[in-house]
Amino acid sequence: MTETNSGGGWVRSWGASPQAAHDGIGSLDEYPPLADVTLRQVVRVSGGGRRVRVRFTNEFGTAPLSIGAARVGLAVPGGGVQPGSEHVLTFSGAAAVTVPAGAPVLSDPVDLVLPALAKLSISLYLPGRVETCTCHDPALETGWMIPGDAVAAPTVPEDAEVLPVRALISAVELLTDGPARTIVVLGDSRVDGAGSTSDTNHSWPELLAERLAERGVAARYVSNQGISGNRMLNDGIGVAALARFDRDVLATPGLGHVVLSSGGDIAISFAPRDDGSLADFLKMFPGAPVTADDVIAGYRQLAARARERGIRVYATTIPPYGGAETYTPEGERARQTVNEWIRVGGAFDAVLDFDAVWRDPDHPSRIREEFHSGDYLHGSDAGYKALADSVDLSLFD
């Protein structure tokens, strides 16, 4: 029986889109397969709740995944767990579970009151060998690999290694005391938070969650479904947005709003093909180059699929990227064409004009100097804050 109450229900408060390790940006390439190790990871929920369940994932695994033990608790700095907040996670009442290849698994709920923006520690013990790790790359929040079964360890021991990805977890869902809805942001590296300072929660969706919490909008949660290097129309780094939309967006518990923010197709399709330094990078992005019209058609498809579920759908304009390695004048013209359509095409319930927020008034094809991280493509902490601060919070009332 579905567990609800008279005022609330399950809602996603944190998310990270699953991807195959070899489809990521290579953070696990130098590591041996995981085996007889405990992974301890920290996530910051967006909104609060009174019961917690965790979604573990083996969706890109090539063999069954054995989880020997798992726990959650309130995180303290440095990887510790607040005493008295620890809870053993079970799976249909059992302390261990085998997750089939290609599947996720939800833990049983545990009673744990989490306020908005609380940090949750998630530990899982892997007794067997994990050849193919379903992950999210990069993590942007420090996690640890601890030898043996250390799920109950109150602190991270000295022999722990840093875990460079989100490994085998994809969502935290909370049971609320009142009606609640999740805002899902779907996009690429500039949604994911690439360029922001690690361990600070400075992606713009996380900063948007802070604004909502500070305003007291307790009924609005944010799930970041950005993948660095992701595109809308073709696979490459992560499954294409059109292909993962049902899993990462429409299947979200408590889904209320969708924000689409994707510019990877244009940057990759119009990148200079005669630049030898880009050749190896572009090999990660198979598929024929796309046009501005192709991108617009993709946006139309995503908007229509959201509306079929009665979901309000917003879009951001594509910010500038002049000065980045992938920039070309042809790509700039395509970006302007897509942005003009986003603004006036009428496909969305609202438009967030991120291009206007980031562009340099003296060089409109470029990001303002203080808003990029040094590569003329990704945001700095200040740049992502400017995007979050520009969002009209009444759109989510």
Protein backbone atom coordinates (compact mmCIF):
# COMPACT_ATOMS: atom_id res chain seq x y z
CA MET A 1 0.00 0.00 0.00
CA THR A 2 1.33 3.47 -0.84
CA GLU A 3 2.29 5.34 2.31
CA THR A 4 0.76 8.80 2.43
CA ASN A 5 -1.03 11.01 4.93
CA SER A 6 -3.94 13.39 4.72
CA GLY A 7 -1.73 16.31 3.75
CA GLY A 8 1.41 15.03 2.09
CA GLY A 9 3.20 12.23 0.33
CA TRP A 10 6.56 11.19 -1.05
CA VAL A 11 8.55 13.89 -2.79
CA ARG A 12 12.08 13.92 -4.23
CA SER A 13 14.34 16.27 -2.28
CA TRP A 14 17.69 15.43 -3.91
CA GLY A 15 18.66 13.73 -7.14
CA ALA A 16 21.63 12.92 -9.37
CA SER A 17 21.08 11.46 -12.83
CA PRO A 18 22.61 7.97 -13.21
CA GLN A 19 25.22 7.39 -15.90
CA ALA A 20 27.71 4.69 -16.78
CA ALA A 21 31.20 5.29 -15.40
CA HIS A 22 32.76 4.99 -18.87
CA ASP A 23 30.26 7.56 -20.19
CA GLY A 24 31.39 10.12 -17.62
CA ILE A 25 34.35 12.46 -17.61
CA GLY A 26 36.80 9.82 -16.45
CA SER A 27 36.96 10.37 -12.70
CA LEU A 28 36.96 6.62 -11.96
CA ASP A 29 39.36 5.62 -14.74
CA GLU A 30 42.38 5.22 -12.46
CA TYR A 31 40.53 3.31 -9.74
CA PRO A 32 40.23 -0.50 -9.45
CA PRO A 33 36.71 -2.00 -9.40
CA LEU A 34 34.93 -1.49 -6.08
CA ALA A 35 35.02 -4.56 -3.79
CA ASP A 36 34.80 -5.15 -0.01
CA VAL A 37 34.47 -1.42 0.54
CA THR A 38 32.10 1.02 2.22
CA LEU A 39 31.07 4.13 0.31
CA ARG A 40 30.13 7.12 2.44
CA GLN A 41 28.53 10.00 0.58
CA VAL A 42 26.96 13.28 1.66
CA VAL A 43 23.97 14.91 -0.03
CA ARG A 44 22.13 18.10 0.82
CA VAL A 45 18.36 17.80 0.61
CA SER A 46 16.44 20.79 -0.73
CA GLY A 47 13.26 20.60 1.33
CA GLY A 48 12.53 18.84 4.59
CA GLY A 49 10.44 15.88 5.71
CA ARG A 50 9.84 13.38 8.50
CA ARG A 51 10.63 10.04 6.82
CA VAL A 52 13.47 9.17 4.42
CA ARG A 53 14.07 6.59 1.73
CA VAL A 54 17.07 6.29 -0.58
CA ARG A 55 17.08 5.21 -4.22
CA PHE A 56 20.15 3.10 -5.00
CA THR A 57 20.99 2.40 -8.63
CA ASN A 58 22.52 -0.35 -10.73
CA GLU A 59 20.92 0.96 -13.91
CA PHE A 60 24.15 0.86 -15.92
CA GLY A 61 25.56 -2.20 -14.17
CA THR A 62 26.48 -5.26 -16.21
CA ALA A 63 25.93 -7.71 -13.34
CA PRO A 64 23.81 -7.87 -10.18
CA LEU A 65 24.90 -5.47 -7.41
CA SER A 66 25.14 -6.73 -3.81
CA ILE A 67 24.58 -4.21 -1.03
CA GLY A 68 25.59 -5.89 2.21
CA ALA A 69 24.50 -3.12 4.58
CA ALA A 70 23.41 0.52 4.42
CA ARG A 71 22.80 3.36 6.86
CA VAL A 72 21.75 7.00 6.88
CA GLY A 73 22.17 9.78 9.41
CA LEU A 74 22.69 13.50 9.72
CA ALA A 75 26.11 14.41 8.32
CA VAL A 76 28.70 16.38 10.24
CA PRO A 77 31.76 17.99 8.59
CA GLY A 78 34.55 15.63 7.54
CA GLY A 79 32.38 12.61 6.88
CA GLY A 80 31.10 11.95 10.38
CA VAL A 81 27.55 11.12 11.43
CA GLN A 82 25.70 12.96 14.19
CA PRO A 83 25.33 10.63 17.19
CA GLY A 84 21.79 9.43 17.71
CA SER A 85 20.70 10.19 14.13
CA GLU A 86 21.91 6.88 12.63
CA HIS A 87 19.36 4.55 11.05
CA VAL A 88 19.88 1.15 9.46
CA LEU A 89 18.37 0.93 6.00
CA THR A 90 16.52 -2.23 5.02
CA PHE A 91 15.09 -3.54 1.77
CA SER A 92 11.69 -5.25 2.07
CA GLY A 93 12.72 -5.85 5.68
CA ALA A 94 16.11 -7.39 4.88
CA ALA A 95 19.45 -5.83 5.84
CA ALA A 96 21.02 -6.74 2.48
CA VAL A 97 19.81 -6.69 -1.10
CA THR A 98 20.87 -7.79 -4.58
CA VAL A 99 19.99 -5.24 -7.24
CA PRO A 100 19.57 -6.72 -10.75
CA ALA A 101 21.62 -5.28 -13.60
CA GLY A 102 19.76 -2.38 -15.16
CA ALA A 103 17.55 -1.72 -12.14
CA PRO A 104 17.25 0.66 -9.19
CA VAL A 105 16.07 -0.26 -5.69
CA LEU A 106 14.31 1.81 -3.03
CA SER A 107 15.17 1.35 0.62
CA ASP A 108 12.43 0.94 3.19
CA PRO A 109 11.51 4.28 4.82
CA VAL A 110 13.03 5.26 8.17
CA ASP A 111 11.82 7.89 10.63
CA LEU A 112 14.28 10.78 10.43
CA VAL A 113 13.25 14.42 10.63
CA LEU A 114 15.22 16.49 8.12
CA PRO A 115 14.85 20.26 7.89
CA ALA A 116 15.25 22.02 4.56
CA LEU A 117 18.89 22.13 3.36
CA ALA A 118 20.02 19.44 5.84
CA LYS A 119 23.01 17.30 4.91
CA LEU A 120 22.42 13.54 4.93
CA SER A 121 25.16 10.93 5.23
CA ILE A 122 24.55 7.74 3.20
CA SER A 123 26.79 4.70 3.73
CA LEU A 124 26.62 1.42 1.84
CA TYR A 125 28.83 -1.66 2.07
CA LEU A 126 29.75 -3.55 -1.10
CA PRO A 127 30.86 -7.09 -0.16
CA GLY A 128 31.40 -8.21 -3.76
CA ARG A 129 33.10 -6.82 -6.83
CA VAL A 130 31.39 -4.05 -8.82
CA GLU A 131 32.79 -4.21 -12.34
CA THR A 132 30.61 -1.45 -13.78
CA CYS A 133 29.67 1.37 -11.43
CA THR A 134 26.51 3.36 -12.08
CA CYS A 135 27.53 6.82 -11.00
CA HIS A 136 27.20 10.55 -11.48
CA ASP A 137 30.36 12.29 -12.57
CA PRO A 138 31.53 14.62 -11.01
CA ALA A 139 30.31 14.52 -7.41
CA LEU A 140 31.04 18.15 -6.37
CA GLU A 141 30.67 16.91 -2.77
CA THR A 142 33.41 14.89 -1.08
CA GLY A 143 32.69 11.21 -0.50
CA TRP A 144 34.87 8.41 0.82
CA MET A 145 35.83 4.80 0.13
CA ILE A 146 36.55 2.92 3.38
CA PRO A 147 38.00 -0.62 3.41
CA GLY A 148 35.63 -3.32 4.68
CA ASP A 149 32.22 -2.92 6.33
CA ALA A 150 32.30 0.52 7.96
CA VAL A 151 28.68 1.63 7.58
CA ALA A 152 28.42 2.04 11.37
CA ALA A 153 31.68 4.02 11.74
CA PRO A 154 30.93 7.37 13.41
CA THR A 155 33.80 9.07 11.58
CA VAL A 156 35.85 8.49 8.44
CA PRO A 157 39.04 6.51 9.29
CA GLU A 158 42.48 7.60 8.17
CA ASP A 159 42.81 4.84 5.57
CA ALA A 160 39.79 6.09 3.60
CA GLU A 161 40.23 7.34 0.03
CA VAL A 162 38.29 10.13 -1.62
CA LEU A 163 35.45 8.94 -3.87
CA PRO A 164 35.46 11.17 -6.97
CA VAL A 165 31.90 10.43 -8.17
CA ARG A 166 28.39 9.93 -6.86
CA ALA A 167 28.34 6.14 -6.81
CA LEU A 168 25.28 3.89 -6.79
CA ILE A 169 22.85 6.49 -5.35
CA SER A 170 20.46 8.56 -7.44
CA ALA A 171 17.79 10.07 -5.17
CA VAL A 172 16.64 10.90 -1.66
CA GLU A 173 12.89 11.02 -1.16
CA LEU A 174 11.04 12.36 1.87
CA LEU A 175 7.58 11.92 3.30
CA THR A 176 6.11 15.32 4.05
CA ASP A 177 3.46 16.59 6.44
CA GLY A 178 1.80 18.76 3.82
CA PRO A 179 1.36 19.03 0.06
CA ALA A 180 4.74 19.36 -1.65
CA ARG A 181 6.04 19.48 -5.20
CA THR A 182 9.46 19.05 -6.79
CA ILE A 183 11.04 21.33 -9.37
CA VAL A 184 13.18 19.19 -11.68
CA VAL A 185 15.95 20.96 -13.58
CA LEU A 186 17.12 19.02 -16.65
CA GLY A 187 20.24 19.99 -18.52
CA ASP A 188 23.99 19.87 -19.01
CA SER A 189 27.14 20.88 -17.11
CA ARG A 190 25.91 24.38 -16.36
CA VAL A 191 22.97 22.81 -14.52
CA ASP A 192 25.25 20.21 -12.91
CA GLY A 193 27.36 23.00 -11.40
CA ALA A 194 30.64 22.48 -13.29
CA GLY A 195 33.07 25.26 -12.40
CA SER A 196 31.59 25.90 -8.95
CA THR A 197 33.54 25.31 -5.74
CA SER A 198 33.26 21.73 -4.45
CA ASP A 199 31.53 21.11 -1.12
CA THR A 200 29.69 24.46 -1.24
CA ASN A 201 26.43 23.51 -3.02
CA HIS A 202 26.83 26.35 -5.48
CA SER A 203 25.12 24.99 -8.58
CA TRP A 204 22.28 27.31 -9.51
CA PRO A 205 19.56 24.71 -8.78
CA GLU A 206 20.98 24.28 -5.26
CA LEU A 207 21.12 28.05 -4.81
CA LEU A 208 17.53 28.24 -6.04
CA ALA A 209 16.61 25.71 -3.33
CA GLU A 210 18.26 28.02 -0.77
CA ARG A 211 16.18 30.96 -1.95
CA LEU A 212 12.99 28.91 -1.76
CA ALA A 213 13.87 27.74 1.77
CA GLU A 214 14.78 31.26 2.92
CA ARG A 215 11.50 32.56 1.56
CA GLY A 216 9.69 29.88 3.52
CA VAL A 217 8.38 28.05 0.46
CA ALA A 218 8.41 24.76 2.34
CA ALA A 219 6.32 23.02 -0.29
CA ARG A 220 8.86 23.41 -3.10
CA TYR A 221 11.79 21.01 -3.54
CA VAL A 222 14.52 20.98 -6.21
CA SER A 223 16.05 17.96 -7.98
CA ASN A 224 19.13 18.65 -10.11
CA GLN A 225 19.13 16.35 -13.14
CA GLY A 226 22.01 17.95 -14.99
CA ILE A 227 24.80 15.82 -16.48
CA SER A 228 28.12 17.43 -17.40
CA GLY A 229 28.65 17.05 -21.15
CA ASN A 230 25.05 15.97 -21.76
CA ARG A 231 23.09 16.74 -24.91
CA MET A 232 19.40 16.77 -25.68
CA LEU A 233 19.36 14.79 -28.93
CA ASN A 234 22.32 12.38 -28.89
CA ASP A 235 23.95 10.16 -26.29
CA GLY A 236 27.59 10.66 -25.38
CA ILE A 237 28.39 11.72 -21.85
CA GLY A 238 25.25 10.36 -20.30
CA VAL A 239 22.07 9.33 -22.06
CA ALA A 240 20.52 12.13 -24.14
CA ALA A 241 17.91 14.28 -22.40
CA LEU A 242 15.14 13.12 -24.74
CA ALA A 243 15.95 9.50 -23.89
CA ARG A 244 16.23 9.94 -20.10
CA PHE A 245 13.29 12.31 -19.68
CA ASP A 246 10.82 9.66 -18.48
CA ARG A 247 13.23 8.24 -15.87
CA ASP A 248 14.88 11.43 -14.64
CA VAL A 249 11.90 13.78 -14.82
CA LEU A 250 8.44 12.31 -15.35
CA ALA A 251 8.94 9.48 -12.83
CA THR A 252 9.90 11.94 -10.05
CA PRO A 253 7.70 11.57 -6.95
CA GLY A 254 5.87 14.83 -6.31
CA LEU A 255 6.76 16.36 -9.68
CA GLY A 256 5.34 19.85 -10.04
CA HIS A 257 7.53 21.87 -12.43
CA VAL A 258 10.19 21.18 -15.07
CA VAL A 259 12.94 23.61 -16.05
CA LEU A 260 14.75 22.77 -19.30
CA SER A 261 18.28 24.15 -19.68
CA SER A 262 20.39 22.50 -22.38
CA GLY A 263 22.98 23.99 -24.72
CA GLY A 264 25.35 21.09 -25.28
CA ASP A 265 23.99 20.14 -28.71
CA ILE A 266 24.98 23.49 -30.20
CA ALA A 267 28.40 23.70 -28.57
CA ILE A 268 29.33 20.22 -29.81
CA SER A 269 27.70 20.29 -33.25
CA PHE A 270 29.28 23.59 -34.24
CA ALA A 271 32.67 23.04 -32.59
CA PRO A 272 35.70 23.59 -34.88
CA ARG A 273 36.45 20.29 -36.60
CA ASP A 274 39.90 21.40 -37.80
CA ASP A 275 41.19 21.97 -34.26
CA GLY A 276 43.43 19.01 -33.47
CA SER A 277 43.35 19.70 -29.73
CA LEU A 278 39.58 19.07 -29.72
CA ALA A 279 39.66 15.83 -31.71
CA ASP A 280 39.86 13.40 -28.78
CA PHE A 281 37.26 15.38 -26.83
CA LEU A 282 34.76 15.32 -29.70
CA LYS A 283 35.12 11.53 -30.02
CA MET A 284 33.04 11.26 -26.84
CA PHE A 285 30.07 12.71 -28.70
CA PRO A 286 28.87 10.35 -31.45
CA GLY A 287 26.01 11.12 -33.79
CA ALA A 288 25.53 13.52 -36.66
CA PRO A 289 25.78 17.26 -35.96
CA VAL A 290 22.40 18.90 -35.32
CA THR A 291 20.92 22.20 -36.45
CA ALA A 292 19.11 24.94 -34.57
CA ASP A 293 15.84 23.57 -35.98
CA ASP A 294 16.70 20.11 -34.58
CA VAL A 295 17.24 21.59 -31.12
CA ILE A 296 13.96 23.52 -31.30
CA ALA A 297 12.14 20.32 -32.30
CA GLY A 298 13.69 18.58 -29.29
CA TYR A 299 12.48 21.31 -26.95
CA ARG A 300 8.98 20.97 -28.41
CA GLN A 301 9.01 17.25 -27.71
CA LEU A 302 10.08 17.71 -24.08
CA ALA A 303 7.47 20.41 -23.49
CA ALA A 304 4.72 18.25 -24.97
CA ARG A 305 5.68 15.21 -22.89
CA ALA A 306 5.64 17.30 -19.70
CA ARG A 307 2.25 18.80 -20.51
CA GLU A 308 0.78 15.34 -21.09
CA ARG A 309 1.29 14.85 -17.33
CA GLY A 310 -0.18 18.25 -16.47
CA ILE A 311 3.24 19.63 -15.53
CA ARG A 312 4.19 23.27 -15.97
CA VAL A 313 7.34 23.52 -18.07
CA TYR A 314 9.82 26.40 -18.19
CA ALA A 315 12.99 26.89 -20.23
CA THR A 316 16.14 28.92 -19.83
CA THR A 317 17.79 30.65 -22.73
CA ILE A 318 21.25 29.30 -23.61
CA PRO A 319 23.99 31.44 -22.00
CA PRO A 320 26.95 32.70 -24.07
CA TYR A 321 30.10 30.66 -24.60
CA GLY A 322 32.31 32.93 -26.73
CA GLY A 323 35.97 32.31 -25.90
CA ALA A 324 35.43 28.62 -25.08
CA GLU A 325 37.32 26.01 -27.11
CA THR A 326 34.12 24.84 -28.80
CA TYR A 327 32.99 28.33 -29.87
CA THR A 328 32.47 29.24 -33.54
CA PRO A 329 30.52 32.08 -35.19
CA GLU A 330 28.22 29.44 -36.71
CA GLY A 331 27.47 28.10 -33.24
CA GLU A 332 26.75 31.62 -32.01
CA ARG A 333 24.21 32.15 -34.79
CA ALA A 334 22.53 28.86 -33.90
CA ARG A 335 22.44 29.83 -30.23
CA GLN A 336 20.81 33.14 -31.05
CA THR A 337 18.23 31.40 -33.26
CA VAL A 338 17.28 28.93 -30.53
CA ASN A 339 17.18 31.65 -27.88
CA GLU A 340 14.89 33.84 -29.94
CA TRP A 341 12.52 30.91 -30.39
CA ILE A 342 12.63 30.12 -26.65
CA ARG A 343 11.72 33.73 -25.85
CA VAL A 344 8.88 34.23 -28.33
CA GLY A 345 7.87 30.77 -29.58
CA GLY A 346 5.20 30.25 -26.92
CA ALA A 347 6.20 26.66 -26.18
CA PHE A 348 6.79 27.22 -22.47
CA ASP A 349 4.81 28.45 -19.50
CA ALA A 350 7.67 30.85 -18.66
CA VAL A 351 11.19 31.68 -19.83
CA LEU A 352 14.21 32.26 -17.58
CA ASP A 353 16.51 34.51 -19.61
CA PHE A 354 19.92 33.27 -18.46
CA ASP A 355 21.54 34.66 -21.61
CA ALA A 356 20.56 38.17 -20.49
CA VAL A 357 21.93 37.54 -16.98
CA TRP A 358 25.35 36.28 -18.07
CA ARG A 359 26.20 38.09 -21.30
CA ASP A 360 28.83 40.80 -21.30
CA PRO A 361 27.19 44.04 -22.54
CA ASP A 362 30.34 44.92 -24.48
CA HIS A 363 30.79 41.40 -25.92
CA PRO A 364 27.34 39.75 -26.06
CA SER A 365 28.72 36.40 -27.27
CA ARG A 366 30.77 36.10 -24.07
CA ILE A 367 30.01 35.61 -20.39
CA ARG A 368 30.83 38.54 -18.10
CA GLU A 369 34.31 38.04 -16.66
CA GLU A 370 33.17 37.72 -13.06
CA PHE A 371 30.53 35.13 -13.98
CA HIS A 372 32.64 32.39 -15.62
CA SER A 373 35.07 29.95 -14.01
CA GLY A 374 37.98 30.71 -16.34
CA ASP A 375 36.98 28.62 -19.35
CA TYR A 376 34.40 31.04 -20.80
CA LEU A 377 31.84 28.25 -20.65
CA HIS A 378 30.98 27.30 -17.07
CA GLY A 379 29.88 29.52 -14.25
CA SER A 380 31.82 30.73 -11.26
CA ASP A 381 30.16 30.69 -7.85
CA ALA A 382 29.12 34.30 -8.49
CA GLY A 383 27.82 33.40 -11.93
CA TYR A 384 25.60 30.60 -10.67
CA LYS A 385 24.34 32.84 -7.85
CA ALA A 386 23.38 35.46 -10.43
CA LEU A 387 21.33 32.85 -12.32
CA ALA A 388 19.57 31.64 -9.18
CA ASP A 389 18.90 35.20 -8.01
CA SER A 390 17.32 36.07 -11.37
CA VAL A 391 14.58 33.42 -11.05
CA ASP A 392 11.13 34.76 -10.20
CA LEU A 393 10.12 32.58 -7.24
CA SER A 394 6.45 33.30 -7.83
CA LEU A 395 6.65 30.95 -10.82
CA PHE A 396 6.62 28.09 -8.32
CA ASP A 397 3.79 29.33 -6.08
